[in-house]
Amino acid sequence: QVQLVESGGGLVQAGGALRLSCAASGSIFSIDALGWYRQAPGKQRELVAYITNDDRTNYANSVKGRFTISRDNVKNTVYLQMNSLQPEETAVYYCNAGVFYTAGYYPKYWGQGTQVTVSS
């Protein structure tokens, strides 16, 4: 079991920046990567980014060049630096920990979610 505790959400104006944090604890050895999903009102939950245990990263096309995912292995914490935020990126952002299967990445554990609101 992995527990995930998130922080850093809030209200920001369009063009602004936020940094989300997620502290992981428990059976960290059992997962392959840490990542972030988001779910906007009326839309499906989508993968924003993940970072593997050996620091390889993957980003959704919509956030490439603006968002940066990183991790601190001493603190077992994953971060998401979000720059140039747009109103359509208002969503609940969920930290996750997952594993890789043949078919792709599978998120096994979830944080509680943190609200990010981007105003015009």
N, C-alpha and C. Protein backbone atom coordinates (compact mmCIF):
# COMPACT_ATOMS: atom_id res chain seq x y z
N GLN A 1 0.83 -1.18 0.00
CA GLN A 1 0.00 0.00 0.00
C GLN A 1 0.87 1.25 0.00
N VAL A 2 0.45 2.24 -0.78
CA VAL A 2 1.13 3.52 -0.86
C VAL A 2 0.13 4.61 -0.50
N GLN A 3 0.56 5.51 0.37
CA GLN A 3 -0.26 6.65 0.73
C GLN A 3 0.32 7.91 0.09
N LEU A 4 -0.56 8.77 -0.40
CA LEU A 4 -0.16 9.97 -1.11
C LEU A 4 -0.87 11.17 -0.51
N VAL A 5 -0.11 12.18 -0.14
CA VAL A 5 -0.66 13.38 0.46
C VAL A 5 -0.24 14.58 -0.37
N GLU A 6 -1.21 15.32 -0.89
CA GLU A 6 -0.97 16.40 -1.83
C GLU A 6 -1.10 17.76 -1.17
N SER A 7 -0.46 18.75 -1.79
CA SER A 7 -0.58 20.13 -1.37
C SER A 7 -0.20 21.03 -2.53
N GLY A 8 -0.53 22.31 -2.42
CA GLY A 8 -0.09 23.29 -3.39
C GLY A 8 -1.13 23.82 -4.34
N GLY A 9 -2.33 23.27 -4.33
CA GLY A 9 -3.38 23.78 -5.18
C GLY A 9 -3.86 25.14 -4.72
N GLY A 10 -4.61 25.80 -5.57
CA GLY A 10 -5.14 27.10 -5.22
C GLY A 10 -5.65 27.85 -6.43
N LEU A 11 -5.81 29.14 -6.24
CA LEU A 11 -6.32 30.03 -7.27
C LEU A 11 -5.18 30.85 -7.85
N VAL A 12 -5.13 30.90 -9.17
CA VAL A 12 -4.09 31.66 -9.86
C VAL A 12 -4.69 32.31 -11.09
N GLN A 13 -4.16 33.45 -11.47
CA GLN A 13 -4.61 34.12 -12.68
C GLN A 13 -4.01 33.47 -13.92
N ALA A 14 -4.70 33.62 -15.04
CA ALA A 14 -4.18 33.11 -16.30
C ALA A 14 -2.77 33.63 -16.55
N GLY A 15 -1.90 32.72 -16.96
CA GLY A 15 -0.51 33.07 -17.17
C GLY A 15 0.37 32.88 -15.95
N GLY A 16 -0.23 32.59 -14.83
CA GLY A 16 0.51 32.40 -13.60
C GLY A 16 1.03 30.99 -13.44
N ALA A 17 1.59 30.73 -12.27
CA ALA A 17 2.24 29.45 -12.01
C ALA A 17 1.89 28.93 -10.63
N LEU A 18 1.89 27.61 -10.52
CA LEU A 18 1.72 26.93 -9.25
C LEU A 18 2.65 25.73 -9.22
N ARG A 19 3.03 25.33 -8.02
CA ARG A 19 3.76 24.09 -7.84
C ARG A 19 3.01 23.18 -6.90
N LEU A 20 2.68 22.00 -7.39
CA LEU A 20 2.02 20.99 -6.59
C LEU A 20 3.05 20.03 -6.00
N SER A 21 2.76 19.56 -4.80
CA SER A 21 3.62 18.62 -4.13
C SER A 21 2.81 17.41 -3.68
N CYS A 22 3.45 16.26 -3.66
CA CYS A 22 2.80 15.04 -3.22
C CYS A 22 3.82 14.17 -2.51
N ALA A 23 3.59 13.93 -1.23
CA ALA A 23 4.48 13.10 -0.43
C ALA A 23 3.97 11.67 -0.40
N ALA A 24 4.82 10.73 -0.76
CA ALA A 24 4.46 9.32 -0.80
C ALA A 24 5.07 8.58 0.38
N SER A 25 4.32 7.63 0.89
CA SER A 25 4.82 6.79 1.97
C SER A 25 4.23 5.39 1.83
N GLY A 26 4.80 4.45 2.56
CA GLY A 26 4.35 3.07 2.48
C GLY A 26 5.28 2.22 1.64
N SER A 27 4.71 1.36 0.83
CA SER A 27 5.48 0.40 0.03
C SER A 27 5.94 1.02 -1.29
N ILE A 28 6.81 2.00 -1.17
CA ILE A 28 7.28 2.73 -2.35
C ILE A 28 8.03 1.80 -3.31
N PHE A 29 8.68 0.80 -2.78
CA PHE A 29 9.45 -0.11 -3.62
C PHE A 29 8.58 -0.86 -4.63
N SER A 30 7.29 -0.91 -4.37
CA SER A 30 6.39 -1.70 -5.21
C SER A 30 5.86 -0.96 -6.43
N ILE A 31 6.20 0.31 -6.60
CA ILE A 31 5.70 1.08 -7.72
C ILE A 31 6.84 1.48 -8.66
N ASP A 32 6.47 1.79 -9.90
CA ASP A 32 7.46 2.13 -10.92
C ASP A 32 7.57 3.63 -11.19
N ALA A 33 6.51 4.37 -10.87
CA ALA A 33 6.50 5.78 -11.22
C ALA A 33 5.51 6.54 -10.35
N LEU A 34 5.72 7.85 -10.29
CA LEU A 34 4.78 8.77 -9.66
C LEU A 34 4.30 9.74 -10.73
N GLY A 35 3.03 10.13 -10.62
CA GLY A 35 2.50 11.00 -11.65
C GLY A 35 1.36 11.86 -11.17
N TRP A 36 0.84 12.62 -12.12
CA TRP A 36 -0.28 13.52 -11.87
C TRP A 36 -1.34 13.33 -12.95
N TYR A 37 -2.58 13.20 -12.52
CA TYR A 37 -3.74 13.26 -13.39
C TYR A 37 -4.54 14.52 -13.05
N ARG A 38 -5.42 14.89 -13.94
CA ARG A 38 -6.35 15.97 -13.64
C ARG A 38 -7.71 15.66 -14.23
N GLN A 39 -8.73 16.21 -13.61
CA GLN A 39 -10.09 16.05 -14.10
C GLN A 39 -10.80 17.39 -14.03
N ALA A 40 -11.11 17.92 -15.19
CA ALA A 40 -11.84 19.17 -15.30
C ALA A 40 -13.34 18.89 -15.25
N PRO A 41 -14.14 19.89 -14.90
CA PRO A 41 -15.59 19.69 -14.85
C PRO A 41 -16.14 19.19 -16.18
N GLY A 42 -16.91 18.10 -16.13
CA GLY A 42 -17.53 17.56 -17.32
C GLY A 42 -16.60 16.79 -18.25
N LYS A 43 -15.37 16.56 -17.84
CA LYS A 43 -14.41 15.87 -18.69
C LYS A 43 -13.85 14.64 -17.98
N GLN A 44 -13.26 13.76 -18.77
CA GLN A 44 -12.63 12.56 -18.21
C GLN A 44 -11.31 12.91 -17.55
N ARG A 45 -10.93 12.08 -16.60
CA ARG A 45 -9.64 12.23 -15.97
C ARG A 45 -8.54 11.91 -16.99
N GLU A 46 -7.52 12.74 -17.04
CA GLU A 46 -6.46 12.56 -18.01
C GLU A 46 -5.10 12.60 -17.33
N LEU A 47 -4.17 11.87 -17.92
CA LEU A 47 -2.80 11.87 -17.43
C LEU A 47 -2.12 13.17 -17.83
N VAL A 48 -1.52 13.85 -16.87
CA VAL A 48 -0.77 15.07 -17.12
C VAL A 48 0.70 14.75 -17.33
N ALA A 49 1.28 14.00 -16.41
CA ALA A 49 2.69 13.66 -16.48
C ALA A 49 3.00 12.55 -15.49
N TYR A 50 4.06 11.81 -15.76
CA TYR A 50 4.60 10.89 -14.78
C TYR A 50 6.11 10.89 -14.85
N ILE A 51 6.72 10.43 -13.78
CA ILE A 51 8.17 10.32 -13.71
C ILE A 51 8.50 8.96 -13.12
N THR A 52 9.38 8.23 -13.78
CA THR A 52 9.72 6.89 -13.36
C THR A 52 10.72 6.92 -12.21
N ASN A 53 10.96 5.74 -11.66
CA ASN A 53 11.90 5.64 -10.55
C ASN A 53 13.32 6.01 -10.94
N ASP A 54 13.64 5.94 -12.22
CA ASP A 54 14.96 6.36 -12.70
C ASP A 54 14.90 7.69 -13.45
N ASP A 55 13.89 8.51 -13.14
CA ASP A 55 13.80 9.91 -13.56
C ASP A 55 13.52 10.13 -15.04
N ARG A 56 12.94 9.16 -15.71
CA ARG A 56 12.43 9.39 -17.05
C ARG A 56 11.03 9.97 -16.95
N THR A 57 10.73 10.94 -17.79
CA THR A 57 9.48 11.67 -17.70
C THR A 57 8.62 11.51 -18.94
N ASN A 58 7.33 11.71 -18.76
CA ASN A 58 6.37 11.69 -19.84
C ASN A 58 5.32 12.76 -19.58
N TYR A 59 4.97 13.50 -20.63
CA TYR A 59 4.01 14.59 -20.50
C TYR A 59 2.91 14.49 -21.52
N ALA A 60 1.72 14.93 -21.13
CA ALA A 60 0.67 15.13 -22.12
C ALA A 60 1.10 16.21 -23.10
N ASN A 61 0.69 16.06 -24.34
CA ASN A 61 1.10 17.04 -25.35
C ASN A 61 0.69 18.46 -24.99
N SER A 62 -0.43 18.61 -24.34
CA SER A 62 -0.95 19.93 -24.04
C SER A 62 -0.13 20.69 -23.01
N VAL A 63 0.72 20.00 -22.25
CA VAL A 63 1.48 20.67 -21.21
C VAL A 63 2.98 20.67 -21.48
N LYS A 64 3.42 20.05 -22.54
CA LYS A 64 4.84 20.01 -22.87
C LYS A 64 5.39 21.42 -23.03
N GLY A 65 6.52 21.67 -22.39
CA GLY A 65 7.15 22.97 -22.46
C GLY A 65 6.69 23.93 -21.39
N ARG A 66 5.60 23.62 -20.70
CA ARG A 66 5.07 24.50 -19.65
C ARG A 66 5.12 23.87 -18.27
N PHE A 67 4.92 22.56 -18.20
CA PHE A 67 4.92 21.86 -16.93
C PHE A 67 6.20 21.06 -16.78
N THR A 68 6.64 20.92 -15.55
CA THR A 68 7.81 20.11 -15.25
C THR A 68 7.51 19.22 -14.05
N ILE A 69 7.70 17.92 -14.23
CA ILE A 69 7.54 16.99 -13.13
C ILE A 69 8.92 16.60 -12.62
N SER A 70 9.05 16.48 -11.32
CA SER A 70 10.32 16.11 -10.71
C SER A 70 10.05 15.35 -9.42
N ARG A 71 11.09 14.75 -8.88
CA ARG A 71 10.92 14.00 -7.64
C ARG A 71 12.15 14.14 -6.77
N ASP A 72 11.92 14.05 -5.48
CA ASP A 72 12.96 14.05 -4.48
C ASP A 72 12.93 12.67 -3.83
N ASN A 73 13.91 11.85 -4.13
CA ASN A 73 13.90 10.48 -3.66
C ASN A 73 14.20 10.35 -2.17
N VAL A 74 14.83 11.35 -1.60
CA VAL A 74 15.08 11.33 -0.16
C VAL A 74 13.78 11.56 0.59
N LYS A 75 12.99 12.51 0.12
CA LYS A 75 11.71 12.83 0.75
C LYS A 75 10.55 12.02 0.21
N ASN A 76 10.79 11.22 -0.84
CA ASN A 76 9.73 10.48 -1.52
C ASN A 76 8.58 11.41 -1.91
N THR A 77 8.93 12.50 -2.54
CA THR A 77 7.97 13.52 -2.91
C THR A 77 8.07 13.81 -4.41
N VAL A 78 6.93 13.93 -5.05
CA VAL A 78 6.87 14.30 -6.45
C VAL A 78 6.28 15.70 -6.56
N TYR A 79 6.80 16.47 -7.51
CA TYR A 79 6.36 17.85 -7.71
C TYR A 79 5.87 18.04 -9.13
N LEU A 80 4.98 18.97 -9.29
CA LEU A 80 4.55 19.39 -10.61
C LEU A 80 4.59 20.91 -10.67
N GLN A 81 5.57 21.43 -11.38
CA GLN A 81 5.66 22.86 -11.60
C GLN A 81 4.84 23.20 -12.83
N MET A 82 3.85 24.06 -12.66
CA MET A 82 2.93 24.41 -13.73
C MET A 82 3.09 25.88 -14.05
N ASN A 83 3.56 26.18 -15.25
CA ASN A 83 3.76 27.54 -15.70
C ASN A 83 2.77 27.89 -16.80
N SER A 84 2.54 29.18 -16.97
CA SER A 84 1.66 29.69 -18.02
C SER A 84 0.30 28.99 -18.01
N LEU A 85 -0.29 28.92 -16.84
CA LEU A 85 -1.56 28.23 -16.68
C LEU A 85 -2.68 28.93 -17.44
N GLN A 86 -3.58 28.15 -17.98
CA GLN A 86 -4.70 28.64 -18.76
C GLN A 86 -6.01 28.28 -18.07
N PRO A 87 -7.06 29.08 -18.28
CA PRO A 87 -8.33 28.81 -17.61
C PRO A 87 -8.89 27.42 -17.86
N GLU A 88 -8.69 26.87 -19.05
CA GLU A 88 -9.19 25.55 -19.36
C GLU A 88 -8.47 24.44 -18.60
N GLU A 89 -7.41 24.79 -17.90
CA GLU A 89 -6.70 23.81 -17.07
C GLU A 89 -7.19 23.80 -15.64
N THR A 90 -8.25 24.54 -15.36
CA THR A 90 -8.91 24.43 -14.08
C THR A 90 -9.41 23.00 -13.90
N ALA A 91 -9.02 22.37 -12.81
CA ALA A 91 -9.33 20.97 -12.60
C ALA A 91 -8.93 20.56 -11.20
N VAL A 92 -9.37 19.38 -10.81
CA VAL A 92 -8.83 18.72 -9.64
C VAL A 92 -7.63 17.91 -10.10
N TYR A 93 -6.51 18.14 -9.48
CA TYR A 93 -5.28 17.45 -9.83
C TYR A 93 -5.01 16.35 -8.81
N TYR A 94 -4.77 15.15 -9.30
CA TYR A 94 -4.60 13.97 -8.46
C TYR A 94 -3.19 13.41 -8.59
N CYS A 95 -2.53 13.28 -7.49
CA CYS A 95 -1.27 12.56 -7.46
C CYS A 95 -1.54 11.06 -7.56
N ASN A 96 -0.65 10.34 -8.20
CA ASN A 96 -0.82 8.90 -8.28
C ASN A 96 0.52 8.18 -8.28
N ALA A 97 0.47 6.92 -7.89
CA ALA A 97 1.63 6.04 -7.95
C ALA A 97 1.20 4.79 -8.70
N GLY A 98 2.02 4.35 -9.65
CA GLY A 98 1.61 3.24 -10.48
C GLY A 98 2.73 2.35 -10.94
N VAL A 99 2.35 1.43 -11.80
CA VAL A 99 3.27 0.44 -12.34
C VAL A 99 3.11 0.36 -13.84
N PHE A 100 4.08 -0.25 -14.50
CA PHE A 100 4.03 -0.45 -15.93
C PHE A 100 3.68 -1.90 -16.25
N TYR A 101 2.65 -2.07 -17.04
CA TYR A 101 2.32 -3.35 -17.64
C TYR A 101 2.65 -3.29 -19.12
N THR A 102 2.49 -4.41 -19.79
CA THR A 102 2.76 -4.45 -21.22
C THR A 102 1.93 -3.41 -21.98
N ALA A 103 0.70 -3.20 -21.53
CA ALA A 103 -0.20 -2.28 -22.22
C ALA A 103 0.09 -0.82 -21.91
N GLY A 104 0.88 -0.56 -20.87
CA GLY A 104 1.19 0.81 -20.54
C GLY A 104 1.16 1.08 -19.05
N TYR A 105 1.08 2.35 -18.71
CA TYR A 105 1.11 2.78 -17.32
C TYR A 105 -0.24 2.55 -16.66
N TYR A 106 -0.20 2.03 -15.44
CA TYR A 106 -1.41 1.77 -14.69
C TYR A 106 -1.30 2.40 -13.31
N PRO A 107 -2.12 3.42 -13.03
CA PRO A 107 -2.09 4.04 -11.70
C PRO A 107 -2.79 3.17 -10.67
N LYS A 108 -2.09 2.82 -9.61
CA LYS A 108 -2.64 1.95 -8.59
C LYS A 108 -3.12 2.69 -7.35
N TYR A 109 -2.47 3.77 -7.00
CA TYR A 109 -2.77 4.50 -5.78
C TYR A 109 -3.01 5.96 -6.10
N TRP A 110 -3.92 6.56 -5.34
CA TRP A 110 -4.34 7.93 -5.61
C TRP A 110 -4.27 8.81 -4.37
N GLY A 111 -3.92 10.06 -4.59
CA GLY A 111 -4.07 11.06 -3.56
C GLY A 111 -5.50 11.55 -3.50
N GLN A 112 -5.75 12.46 -2.58
CA GLN A 112 -7.11 12.95 -2.37
C GLN A 112 -7.53 13.98 -3.40
N GLY A 113 -6.60 14.53 -4.13
CA GLY A 113 -6.87 15.56 -5.11
C GLY A 113 -6.71 16.95 -4.52
N THR A 114 -6.26 17.88 -5.35
CA THR A 114 -6.14 19.26 -4.95
C THR A 114 -6.67 20.15 -6.07
N GLN A 115 -7.49 21.11 -5.70
CA GLN A 115 -8.16 21.96 -6.68
C GLN A 115 -7.21 23.03 -7.20
N VAL A 116 -7.15 23.14 -8.52
CA VAL A 116 -6.43 24.22 -9.18
C VAL A 116 -7.44 25.01 -9.99
N THR A 117 -7.54 26.28 -9.70
CA THR A 117 -8.47 27.15 -10.41
C THR A 117 -7.69 28.28 -11.07
N VAL A 118 -7.86 28.41 -12.38
CA VAL A 118 -7.17 29.43 -13.15
C VAL A 118 -8.21 30.42 -13.64
N SER A 119 -8.10 31.66 -13.20
CA SER A 119 -9.07 32.69 -13.55
C SER A 119 -8.58 33.50 -14.74
N SER A 120 -9.54 34.08 -15.45
CA SER A 120 -9.22 34.91 -16.61
C SER A 120 -8.73 36.27 -16.17
